[in-house]
Amino acid sequence: MTTPPSIAAADMLVLSNEIAPRGVRGRGPARRQAAWRRMTSVEDLDVVAWIQVSDGRMLAVRSRGRDLLYLPGGKREPGEDDWSALSREVREELDLELDRTSFRELGVIRAPAHDQPDFAHVRMACFTAAYRGAMAAAGEVDEYVYVGRGERHLLAPAAQAALDLAERHGLLA
């Protein structure tokens, strides 16, 4: 097995959901996730994020006091799996319920951390899922917007990498 290459120019790394770290046998999200966590630097902030696209534009949120836009999501609580963490975060931030049956992993990205002084990089597992409810900014989120390719400068580095991931999956078409 090979380790995914780094995109040196942007200092971003896309970790395919089909490639496991060297020496990890077997497949499956839980094994890959555990292996990547063991191999990820202490300086990486490990989070989950929801990629939601409508009319070729990706959903982004602005948290209170932040200058750039991020994806809905956040850190896992102790004992939470990706589904539990992401569905909780989306409920807290946008007052929506994600649909478990449509929940799927798009991939994992690694990018420079923005506005996170304790971390050099963000490792973000990206998922998509349908949702129920009326979207509303809630909790720590002040606003939500849909952004297109031409507005990538409004996004934090990890959200820019997620926009590229969404495009590679044909979601922005």
N, C-alpha and C. Protein backbone atom coordinates (compact mmCIF):
# COMPACT_ATOMS: atom_id res chain seq x y z
N MET A 1 0.84 -1.18 0.00
CA MET A 1 0.00 0.00 0.00
C MET A 1 0.88 1.23 0.00
N THR A 2 0.36 2.31 -0.55
CA THR A 2 1.12 3.55 -0.58
C THR A 2 0.41 4.61 0.23
N THR A 3 1.19 5.51 0.74
CA THR A 3 0.64 6.64 1.47
C THR A 3 0.25 7.71 0.46
N PRO A 4 -0.91 8.36 0.63
CA PRO A 4 -1.32 9.39 -0.32
C PRO A 4 -0.29 10.51 -0.41
N PRO A 5 -0.10 11.08 -1.58
CA PRO A 5 0.88 12.16 -1.74
C PRO A 5 0.37 13.46 -1.16
N SER A 6 1.30 14.32 -0.82
CA SER A 6 0.95 15.64 -0.31
C SER A 6 0.86 16.61 -1.48
N ILE A 7 -0.02 17.57 -1.38
CA ILE A 7 -0.11 18.64 -2.37
C ILE A 7 0.71 19.78 -1.80
N ALA A 8 1.99 19.79 -2.12
CA ALA A 8 2.94 20.68 -1.47
C ALA A 8 2.57 22.16 -1.62
N ALA A 9 2.10 22.57 -2.78
CA ALA A 9 1.83 23.99 -3.01
C ALA A 9 0.82 24.54 -2.02
N ALA A 10 -0.17 23.78 -1.70
CA ALA A 10 -1.20 24.26 -0.78
C ALA A 10 -1.02 23.68 0.62
N ASP A 11 0.00 22.83 0.82
CA ASP A 11 0.22 22.16 2.09
C ASP A 11 -1.04 21.44 2.55
N MET A 12 -1.74 20.81 1.60
CA MET A 12 -2.95 20.07 1.91
C MET A 12 -2.77 18.63 1.48
N LEU A 13 -3.42 17.75 2.18
CA LEU A 13 -3.32 16.33 1.90
C LEU A 13 -4.72 15.76 1.87
N VAL A 14 -5.04 15.04 0.83
CA VAL A 14 -6.32 14.34 0.76
C VAL A 14 -6.03 12.89 1.04
N LEU A 15 -6.63 12.37 2.07
CA LEU A 15 -6.46 10.98 2.46
C LEU A 15 -7.67 10.21 1.96
N SER A 16 -7.48 9.42 0.95
CA SER A 16 -8.59 8.70 0.33
C SER A 16 -9.25 7.78 1.33
N ASN A 17 -10.54 7.60 1.19
CA ASN A 17 -11.24 6.67 2.07
C ASN A 17 -11.01 5.23 1.65
N GLU A 18 -10.21 5.00 0.62
CA GLU A 18 -9.89 3.65 0.18
C GLU A 18 -8.45 3.26 0.50
N ILE A 19 -7.64 4.17 0.99
CA ILE A 19 -6.23 3.88 1.23
C ILE A 19 -6.00 3.88 2.74
N ALA A 20 -5.44 2.80 3.24
CA ALA A 20 -5.12 2.71 4.67
C ALA A 20 -3.64 2.99 4.84
N PRO A 21 -3.24 3.47 6.01
CA PRO A 21 -1.82 3.72 6.25
C PRO A 21 -1.01 2.44 6.11
N ARG A 22 0.26 2.59 5.79
CA ARG A 22 1.17 1.47 5.62
C ARG A 22 1.11 0.57 6.86
N GLY A 23 0.98 -0.73 6.64
CA GLY A 23 0.99 -1.69 7.73
C GLY A 23 -0.38 -1.98 8.32
N VAL A 24 -1.44 -1.30 7.87
CA VAL A 24 -2.78 -1.55 8.39
C VAL A 24 -3.46 -2.55 7.49
N ARG A 25 -3.89 -3.65 8.09
CA ARG A 25 -4.54 -4.70 7.31
C ARG A 25 -6.05 -4.56 7.43
N GLY A 26 -6.74 -4.95 6.37
CA GLY A 26 -8.19 -4.89 6.38
C GLY A 26 -8.70 -3.53 5.95
N ARG A 27 -9.98 -3.46 5.73
CA ARG A 27 -10.61 -2.21 5.33
C ARG A 27 -11.69 -1.85 6.31
N GLY A 28 -12.30 -0.77 6.08
CA GLY A 28 -13.40 -0.33 6.92
C GLY A 28 -13.07 0.98 7.58
N PRO A 29 -14.07 1.85 7.69
CA PRO A 29 -13.84 3.19 8.23
C PRO A 29 -13.26 3.18 9.64
N ALA A 30 -13.70 2.28 10.50
CA ALA A 30 -13.23 2.28 11.89
C ALA A 30 -11.74 1.96 11.95
N ARG A 31 -11.30 0.96 11.19
CA ARG A 31 -9.87 0.60 11.18
C ARG A 31 -9.03 1.72 10.60
N ARG A 32 -9.50 2.31 9.49
CA ARG A 32 -8.74 3.40 8.86
C ARG A 32 -8.67 4.59 9.81
N GLN A 33 -9.81 4.93 10.40
CA GLN A 33 -9.85 6.08 11.30
C GLN A 33 -8.89 5.89 12.47
N ALA A 34 -8.90 4.72 13.09
CA ALA A 34 -8.03 4.46 14.22
C ALA A 34 -6.56 4.52 13.79
N ALA A 35 -6.26 3.96 12.63
CA ALA A 35 -4.87 3.97 12.15
C ALA A 35 -4.41 5.40 11.85
N TRP A 36 -5.26 6.19 11.20
CA TRP A 36 -4.85 7.57 10.89
C TRP A 36 -4.67 8.36 12.18
N ARG A 37 -5.51 8.13 13.17
CA ARG A 37 -5.36 8.85 14.43
C ARG A 37 -4.03 8.54 15.09
N ARG A 38 -3.63 7.25 15.06
CA ARG A 38 -2.35 6.88 15.66
C ARG A 38 -1.19 7.53 14.93
N MET A 39 -1.33 7.72 13.61
CA MET A 39 -0.24 8.25 12.80
C MET A 39 -0.26 9.76 12.67
N THR A 40 -1.36 10.39 13.02
CA THR A 40 -1.50 11.84 12.87
C THR A 40 -0.73 12.55 13.97
N SER A 41 -0.10 13.61 13.61
CA SER A 41 0.69 14.40 14.55
C SER A 41 -0.18 14.93 15.68
N VAL A 42 0.47 15.12 16.82
CA VAL A 42 -0.22 15.73 17.97
C VAL A 42 -0.71 17.12 17.60
N GLU A 43 -0.08 17.72 16.61
CA GLU A 43 -0.44 19.07 16.21
C GLU A 43 -1.64 19.12 15.28
N ASP A 44 -2.29 17.99 15.02
CA ASP A 44 -3.47 17.96 14.16
C ASP A 44 -4.74 18.03 15.00
N LEU A 45 -5.64 18.91 14.60
CA LEU A 45 -6.97 18.98 15.19
C LEU A 45 -7.84 18.01 14.39
N ASP A 46 -8.37 16.99 15.04
CA ASP A 46 -9.13 15.93 14.37
C ASP A 46 -10.63 16.23 14.48
N VAL A 47 -11.29 16.45 13.34
CA VAL A 47 -12.70 16.84 13.33
C VAL A 47 -13.47 16.08 12.26
N VAL A 48 -14.79 16.17 12.34
CA VAL A 48 -15.70 15.66 11.31
C VAL A 48 -16.43 16.84 10.72
N ALA A 49 -16.80 16.72 9.44
CA ALA A 49 -17.49 17.84 8.77
C ALA A 49 -18.55 17.32 7.81
N TRP A 50 -19.57 18.13 7.64
CA TRP A 50 -20.69 17.81 6.74
C TRP A 50 -20.54 18.63 5.48
N ILE A 51 -20.48 17.94 4.35
CA ILE A 51 -20.48 18.61 3.05
C ILE A 51 -21.89 18.53 2.51
N GLN A 52 -22.52 19.68 2.38
CA GLN A 52 -23.89 19.77 1.87
C GLN A 52 -23.85 20.73 0.69
N VAL A 53 -24.33 20.27 -0.45
CA VAL A 53 -24.29 21.07 -1.67
C VAL A 53 -25.70 21.26 -2.20
N SER A 54 -25.97 22.47 -2.64
CA SER A 54 -27.25 22.81 -3.26
C SER A 54 -26.97 23.73 -4.44
N ASP A 55 -27.53 23.40 -5.59
CA ASP A 55 -27.35 24.21 -6.80
C ASP A 55 -25.88 24.51 -7.10
N GLY A 56 -25.02 23.51 -6.90
CA GLY A 56 -23.61 23.66 -7.23
C GLY A 56 -22.81 24.49 -6.25
N ARG A 57 -23.38 24.78 -5.08
CA ARG A 57 -22.70 25.59 -4.07
C ARG A 57 -22.65 24.81 -2.76
N MET A 58 -21.55 24.96 -2.04
CA MET A 58 -21.35 24.22 -0.80
C MET A 58 -21.71 25.06 0.42
N LEU A 59 -22.38 24.44 1.36
CA LEU A 59 -22.76 25.09 2.61
C LEU A 59 -21.53 25.37 3.47
N ALA A 60 -21.46 26.56 4.02
CA ALA A 60 -20.40 26.93 4.97
C ALA A 60 -21.03 27.76 6.08
N VAL A 61 -20.37 27.77 7.22
CA VAL A 61 -20.87 28.52 8.38
C VAL A 61 -19.79 29.44 8.91
N ARG A 62 -20.23 30.51 9.54
CA ARG A 62 -19.29 31.40 10.23
C ARG A 62 -19.61 31.32 11.73
N SER A 63 -18.64 30.88 12.48
CA SER A 63 -18.79 30.82 13.93
C SER A 63 -18.52 32.20 14.52
N ARG A 64 -19.09 32.43 15.65
CA ARG A 64 -18.93 33.71 16.35
C ARG A 64 -17.46 34.07 16.49
N GLY A 65 -17.09 35.27 16.06
CA GLY A 65 -15.74 35.77 16.21
C GLY A 65 -14.75 35.28 15.16
N ARG A 66 -15.18 34.53 14.17
CA ARG A 66 -14.28 34.01 13.14
C ARG A 66 -14.33 34.88 11.90
N ASP A 67 -13.19 34.99 11.20
CA ASP A 67 -13.14 35.82 10.01
C ASP A 67 -13.44 35.03 8.73
N LEU A 68 -13.20 33.72 8.75
CA LEU A 68 -13.45 32.90 7.56
C LEU A 68 -14.57 31.90 7.81
N LEU A 69 -15.04 31.30 6.73
CA LEU A 69 -16.11 30.31 6.82
C LEU A 69 -15.54 28.91 6.98
N TYR A 70 -16.26 28.08 7.68
CA TYR A 70 -15.90 26.69 7.97
C TYR A 70 -17.04 25.79 7.53
N LEU A 71 -16.82 24.49 7.59
CA LEU A 71 -17.91 23.55 7.34
C LEU A 71 -18.62 23.24 8.65
N PRO A 72 -19.91 22.94 8.58
CA PRO A 72 -20.59 22.48 9.80
C PRO A 72 -19.92 21.21 10.30
N GLY A 73 -19.76 21.09 11.59
CA GLY A 73 -19.13 19.91 12.18
C GLY A 73 -18.27 20.32 13.35
N GLY A 74 -17.40 19.42 13.76
CA GLY A 74 -16.52 19.74 14.88
C GLY A 74 -15.87 18.51 15.46
N LYS A 75 -15.43 18.64 16.70
CA LYS A 75 -14.70 17.58 17.38
C LYS A 75 -15.65 16.52 17.93
N ARG A 76 -15.13 15.30 18.00
CA ARG A 76 -15.88 14.20 18.60
C ARG A 76 -15.80 14.31 20.13
N GLU A 77 -16.89 13.98 20.79
CA GLU A 77 -16.88 13.85 22.25
C GLU A 77 -16.33 12.46 22.57
N PRO A 78 -15.81 12.25 23.77
CA PRO A 78 -15.29 10.92 24.12
C PRO A 78 -16.35 9.84 23.87
N GLY A 79 -15.93 8.79 23.16
CA GLY A 79 -16.82 7.67 22.88
C GLY A 79 -17.70 7.82 21.65
N GLU A 80 -17.71 9.00 21.03
CA GLU A 80 -18.55 9.21 19.85
C GLU A 80 -17.90 8.66 18.59
N ASP A 81 -18.71 8.07 17.73
CA ASP A 81 -18.23 7.71 16.40
C ASP A 81 -18.52 8.89 15.47
N ASP A 82 -18.10 8.76 14.21
CA ASP A 82 -18.26 9.86 13.27
C ASP A 82 -19.72 10.27 13.11
N TRP A 83 -20.62 9.28 12.94
CA TRP A 83 -22.04 9.59 12.76
C TRP A 83 -22.59 10.36 13.96
N SER A 84 -22.33 9.87 15.16
CA SER A 84 -22.87 10.51 16.36
C SER A 84 -22.34 11.93 16.52
N ALA A 85 -21.05 12.11 16.30
CA ALA A 85 -20.44 13.43 16.44
C ALA A 85 -21.00 14.40 15.41
N LEU A 86 -21.05 13.98 14.16
CA LEU A 86 -21.50 14.90 13.11
C LEU A 86 -22.97 15.22 13.24
N SER A 87 -23.79 14.24 13.53
CA SER A 87 -25.22 14.53 13.67
C SER A 87 -25.47 15.46 14.86
N ARG A 88 -24.72 15.29 15.95
CA ARG A 88 -24.85 16.20 17.10
C ARG A 88 -24.41 17.61 16.73
N GLU A 89 -23.25 17.73 16.07
CA GLU A 89 -22.73 19.05 15.70
C GLU A 89 -23.68 19.79 14.76
N VAL A 90 -24.22 19.10 13.76
CA VAL A 90 -25.14 19.74 12.81
C VAL A 90 -26.43 20.16 13.52
N ARG A 91 -26.90 19.35 14.43
CA ARG A 91 -28.09 19.71 15.21
C ARG A 91 -27.82 20.96 16.05
N GLU A 92 -26.63 21.03 16.69
CA GLU A 92 -26.28 22.18 17.53
C GLU A 92 -26.05 23.45 16.72
N GLU A 93 -25.46 23.31 15.52
CA GLU A 93 -25.07 24.48 14.73
C GLU A 93 -26.14 24.98 13.77
N LEU A 94 -26.98 24.06 13.25
CA LEU A 94 -27.93 24.44 12.21
C LEU A 94 -29.37 23.98 12.48
N ASP A 95 -29.59 23.36 13.64
CA ASP A 95 -30.93 22.93 14.04
C ASP A 95 -31.53 21.95 13.03
N LEU A 96 -30.70 21.05 12.48
CA LEU A 96 -31.13 20.06 11.49
C LEU A 96 -30.87 18.65 11.99
N GLU A 97 -31.63 17.71 11.47
CA GLU A 97 -31.41 16.29 11.75
C GLU A 97 -30.87 15.63 10.49
N LEU A 98 -29.69 15.02 10.58
CA LEU A 98 -29.14 14.30 9.44
C LEU A 98 -29.82 12.94 9.31
N ASP A 99 -29.87 12.46 8.06
CA ASP A 99 -30.50 11.18 7.75
C ASP A 99 -29.43 10.08 7.78
N ARG A 100 -29.55 9.15 8.70
CA ARG A 100 -28.55 8.09 8.87
C ARG A 100 -28.41 7.21 7.63
N THR A 101 -29.51 6.95 6.95
CA THR A 101 -29.45 6.02 5.81
C THR A 101 -28.69 6.59 4.61
N SER A 102 -28.59 7.90 4.51
CA SER A 102 -27.86 8.52 3.39
C SER A 102 -26.45 8.98 3.78
N PHE A 103 -26.07 8.78 5.02
CA PHE A 103 -24.76 9.19 5.54
C PHE A 103 -23.66 8.39 4.85
N ARG A 104 -22.71 9.11 4.22
CA ARG A 104 -21.57 8.42 3.59
C ARG A 104 -20.33 9.29 3.63
N GLU A 105 -19.19 8.60 3.71
CA GLU A 105 -17.91 9.28 3.77
C GLU A 105 -17.48 9.69 2.36
N LEU A 106 -17.00 10.94 2.23
CA LEU A 106 -16.45 11.41 0.96
C LEU A 106 -14.94 11.31 0.95
N GLY A 107 -14.30 11.43 2.09
CA GLY A 107 -12.86 11.37 2.19
C GLY A 107 -12.37 12.15 3.39
N VAL A 108 -11.06 12.17 3.55
CA VAL A 108 -10.42 12.86 4.66
C VAL A 108 -9.41 13.83 4.08
N ILE A 109 -9.39 15.03 4.59
CA ILE A 109 -8.43 16.03 4.12
C ILE A 109 -7.58 16.47 5.31
N ARG A 110 -6.40 16.97 4.99
CA ARG A 110 -5.52 17.57 6.00
C ARG A 110 -5.05 18.90 5.43
N ALA A 111 -5.21 19.95 6.21
CA ALA A 111 -4.87 21.29 5.74
C ALA A 111 -4.37 22.12 6.91
N PRO A 112 -3.71 23.25 6.62
CA PRO A 112 -3.27 24.13 7.71
C PRO A 112 -4.46 24.58 8.56
N ALA A 113 -4.25 24.61 9.86
CA ALA A 113 -5.30 25.07 10.77
C ALA A 113 -5.39 26.59 10.67
N HIS A 114 -6.59 27.10 10.74
CA HIS A 114 -6.81 28.54 10.72
C HIS A 114 -7.48 28.94 12.03
N ASP A 115 -6.92 29.95 12.67
CA ASP A 115 -7.50 30.48 13.91
C ASP A 115 -7.59 29.41 15.00
N GLN A 116 -6.61 28.51 15.00
CA GLN A 116 -6.52 27.45 16.00
C GLN A 116 -5.09 27.44 16.54
N PRO A 117 -4.75 28.31 17.48
CA PRO A 117 -3.35 28.47 17.91
C PRO A 117 -2.70 27.21 18.47
N ASP A 118 -3.47 26.26 18.97
CA ASP A 118 -2.90 25.05 19.55
C ASP A 118 -2.61 23.96 18.52
N PHE A 119 -2.98 24.20 17.26
CA PHE A 119 -2.85 23.16 16.24
C PHE A 119 -2.24 23.72 14.96
N ALA A 120 -1.34 22.95 14.35
CA ALA A 120 -0.74 23.36 13.08
C ALA A 120 -1.61 22.96 11.89
N HIS A 121 -2.29 21.82 12.00
CA HIS A 121 -3.11 21.30 10.90
C HIS A 121 -4.46 20.80 11.41
N VAL A 122 -5.39 20.70 10.47
CA VAL A 122 -6.69 20.11 10.72
C VAL A 122 -6.77 18.83 9.90
N ARG A 123 -7.19 17.76 10.52
CA ARG A 123 -7.50 16.51 9.83
C ARG A 123 -9.02 16.40 9.88
N MET A 124 -9.66 16.49 8.72
CA MET A 124 -11.11 16.59 8.66
C MET A 124 -11.71 15.44 7.85
N ALA A 125 -12.45 14.59 8.53
CA ALA A 125 -13.20 13.52 7.87
C ALA A 125 -14.49 14.13 7.35
N CYS A 126 -14.71 14.06 6.03
CA CYS A 126 -15.85 14.72 5.39
C CYS A 126 -16.92 13.72 5.00
N PHE A 127 -18.14 14.06 5.32
CA PHE A 127 -19.29 13.19 5.06
C PHE A 127 -20.39 13.99 4.39
N THR A 128 -21.28 13.28 3.74
CA THR A 128 -22.48 13.88 3.19
C THR A 128 -23.68 13.09 3.70
N ALA A 129 -24.82 13.74 3.78
CA ALA A 129 -26.06 13.11 4.23
C ALA A 129 -27.21 14.04 3.91
N ALA A 130 -28.36 13.46 3.67
CA ALA A 130 -29.58 14.25 3.52
C ALA A 130 -29.96 14.77 4.92
N TYR A 131 -30.88 15.71 4.95
CA TYR A 131 -31.28 16.27 6.25
C TYR A 131 -32.77 16.56 6.28
N ARG A 132 -33.28 16.72 7.51
CA ARG A 132 -34.67 17.11 7.75
C ARG A 132 -34.67 18.36 8.62
N GLY A 133 -35.62 19.23 8.35
CA GLY A 133 -35.76 20.43 9.17
C GLY A 133 -35.52 21.70 8.38
N ALA A 134 -35.76 22.81 9.04
CA ALA A 134 -35.53 24.13 8.45
C ALA A 134 -34.21 24.65 8.99
N MET A 135 -33.27 24.92 8.10
CA MET A 135 -31.93 25.35 8.49
C MET A 135 -31.99 26.72 9.17
N ALA A 136 -31.29 26.81 10.31
CA ALA A 136 -31.21 28.07 11.05
C ALA A 136 -29.88 28.11 11.79
N ALA A 137 -29.22 29.25 11.77
CA ALA A 137 -27.99 29.41 12.54
C ALA A 137 -28.32 29.26 14.02
N ALA A 138 -27.55 28.43 14.72
CA ALA A 138 -27.83 28.15 16.13
C ALA A 138 -26.50 27.97 16.87
N GLY A 139 -26.57 27.96 18.18
CA GLY A 139 -25.38 27.73 18.99
C GLY A 139 -24.30 28.76 18.69
N GLU A 140 -23.09 28.26 18.36
CA GLU A 140 -21.95 29.14 18.11
C GLU A 140 -21.92 29.70 16.70
N VAL A 141 -22.87 29.30 15.85
CA VAL A 141 -22.89 29.74 14.45
C VAL A 141 -23.70 31.03 14.32
N ASP A 142 -23.07 32.05 13.72
CA ASP A 142 -23.75 33.32 13.49
C ASP A 142 -24.46 33.37 12.14
N GLU A 143 -23.90 32.67 11.14
CA GLU A 143 -24.53 32.70 9.82
C GLU A 143 -24.15 31.45 9.04
N TYR A 144 -24.98 31.13 8.05
CA TYR A 144 -24.65 30.07 7.11
C TYR A 144 -24.87 30.62 5.71
N VAL A 145 -24.03 30.20 4.78
CA VAL A 145 -24.11 30.65 3.39
C VAL A 145 -23.70 29.49 2.49
N TYR A 146 -24.13 29.55 1.25
CA TYR A 146 -23.68 28.61 0.23
C TYR A 146 -22.65 29.34 -0.62
N VAL A 147 -21.48 28.72 -0.82
CA VAL A 147 -20.40 29.34 -1.58
C VAL A 147 -20.06 28.48 -2.80
N GLY A 148 -19.66 29.17 -3.86
CA GLY A 148 -19.23 28.50 -5.08
C GLY A 148 -17.73 28.57 -5.23
N ARG A 149 -17.25 28.00 -6.32
CA ARG A 149 -15.80 27.97 -6.58
C ARG A 149 -15.18 29.36 -6.55
N GLY A 150 -15.87 30.35 -7.07
CA GLY A 150 -15.35 31.71 -7.14
C GLY A 150 -15.27 32.42 -5.80
N GLU A 151 -15.81 31.82 -4.76
CA GLU A 151 -15.79 32.44 -3.43
C GLU A 151 -14.91 31.68 -2.44
N ARG A 152 -14.02 30.85 -2.96
CA ARG A 152 -13.16 30.02 -2.10
C ARG A 152 -12.31 30.86 -1.16
N HIS A 153 -12.01 32.10 -1.52
CA HIS A 153 -11.21 32.97 -0.65
C HIS A 153 -11.92 33.28 0.67
N LEU A 154 -13.22 33.03 0.75
CA LEU A 154 -13.97 33.25 1.98
C LEU A 154 -13.83 32.10 2.96
N LEU A 155 -13.26 30.98 2.48
CA LEU A 155 -13.19 29.74 3.26
C LEU A 155 -11.84 29.57 3.96
N ALA A 156 -11.87 28.96 5.14
CA ALA A 156 -10.65 28.54 5.83
C ALA A 156 -9.97 27.46 4.98
N PRO A 157 -8.67 27.25 5.15
CA PRO A 157 -7.96 26.28 4.30
C PRO A 157 -8.59 24.89 4.25
N ALA A 158 -9.03 24.35 5.37
CA ALA A 158 -9.64 23.02 5.35
C ALA A 158 -10.96 23.03 4.58
N ALA A 159 -11.72 24.10 4.68
CA ALA A 159 -12.98 24.21 3.92
C ALA A 159 -12.68 24.34 2.43
N GLN A 160 -11.58 25.01 2.06
CA GLN A 160 -11.18 25.07 0.65
C GLN A 160 -10.85 23.67 0.13
N ALA A 161 -10.13 22.89 0.93
CA ALA A 161 -9.82 21.51 0.54
C ALA A 161 -11.10 20.68 0.43
N ALA A 162 -12.06 20.93 1.30
CA ALA A 162 -13.34 20.21 1.23
C ALA A 162 -14.12 20.60 -0.03
N LEU A 163 -14.03 21.87 -0.43
CA LEU A 163 -14.66 22.31 -1.67
C LEU A 163 -14.07 21.54 -2.85
N ASP A 164 -12.75 21.38 -2.86
CA ASP A 164 -12.08 20.61 -3.90
C ASP A 164 -12.52 19.15 -3.88
N LEU A 165 -12.66 18.59 -2.67
CA LEU A 165 -13.12 17.21 -2.52
C LEU A 165 -14.54 17.06 -3.08
N ALA A 166 -15.41 18.00 -2.77
CA ALA A 166 -16.78 17.97 -3.28
C ALA A 166 -16.78 18.04 -4.81
N GLU A 167 -15.90 18.86 -5.35
CA GLU A 167 -15.82 18.98 -6.80
C GLU A 167 -15.34 17.67 -7.44
N ARG A 168 -14.33 17.03 -6.82
CA ARG A 168 -13.84 15.75 -7.34
C ARG A 168 -14.91 14.67 -7.32
N HIS A 169 -15.85 14.77 -6.38
CA HIS A 169 -16.94 13.81 -6.29
C HIS A 169 -18.12 14.20 -7.19
N GLY A 170 -17.98 15.28 -7.95
CA GLY A 170 -19.03 15.70 -8.86
C GLY A 170 -20.21 16.38 -8.20
N LEU A 171 -20.04 16.84 -6.96
CA LEU A 171 -21.16 17.46 -6.24
C LEU A 171 -21.41 18.91 -6.62
N LEU A 172 -20.41 19.56 -7.21
CA LEU A 172 -20.57 20.98 -7.56
C LEU A 172 -21.03 21.19 -8.99
N ALA A 173 -21.30 20.12 -9.71
CA ALA A 173 -21.69 20.22 -11.12
C ALA A 173 -23.05 20.86 -11.28
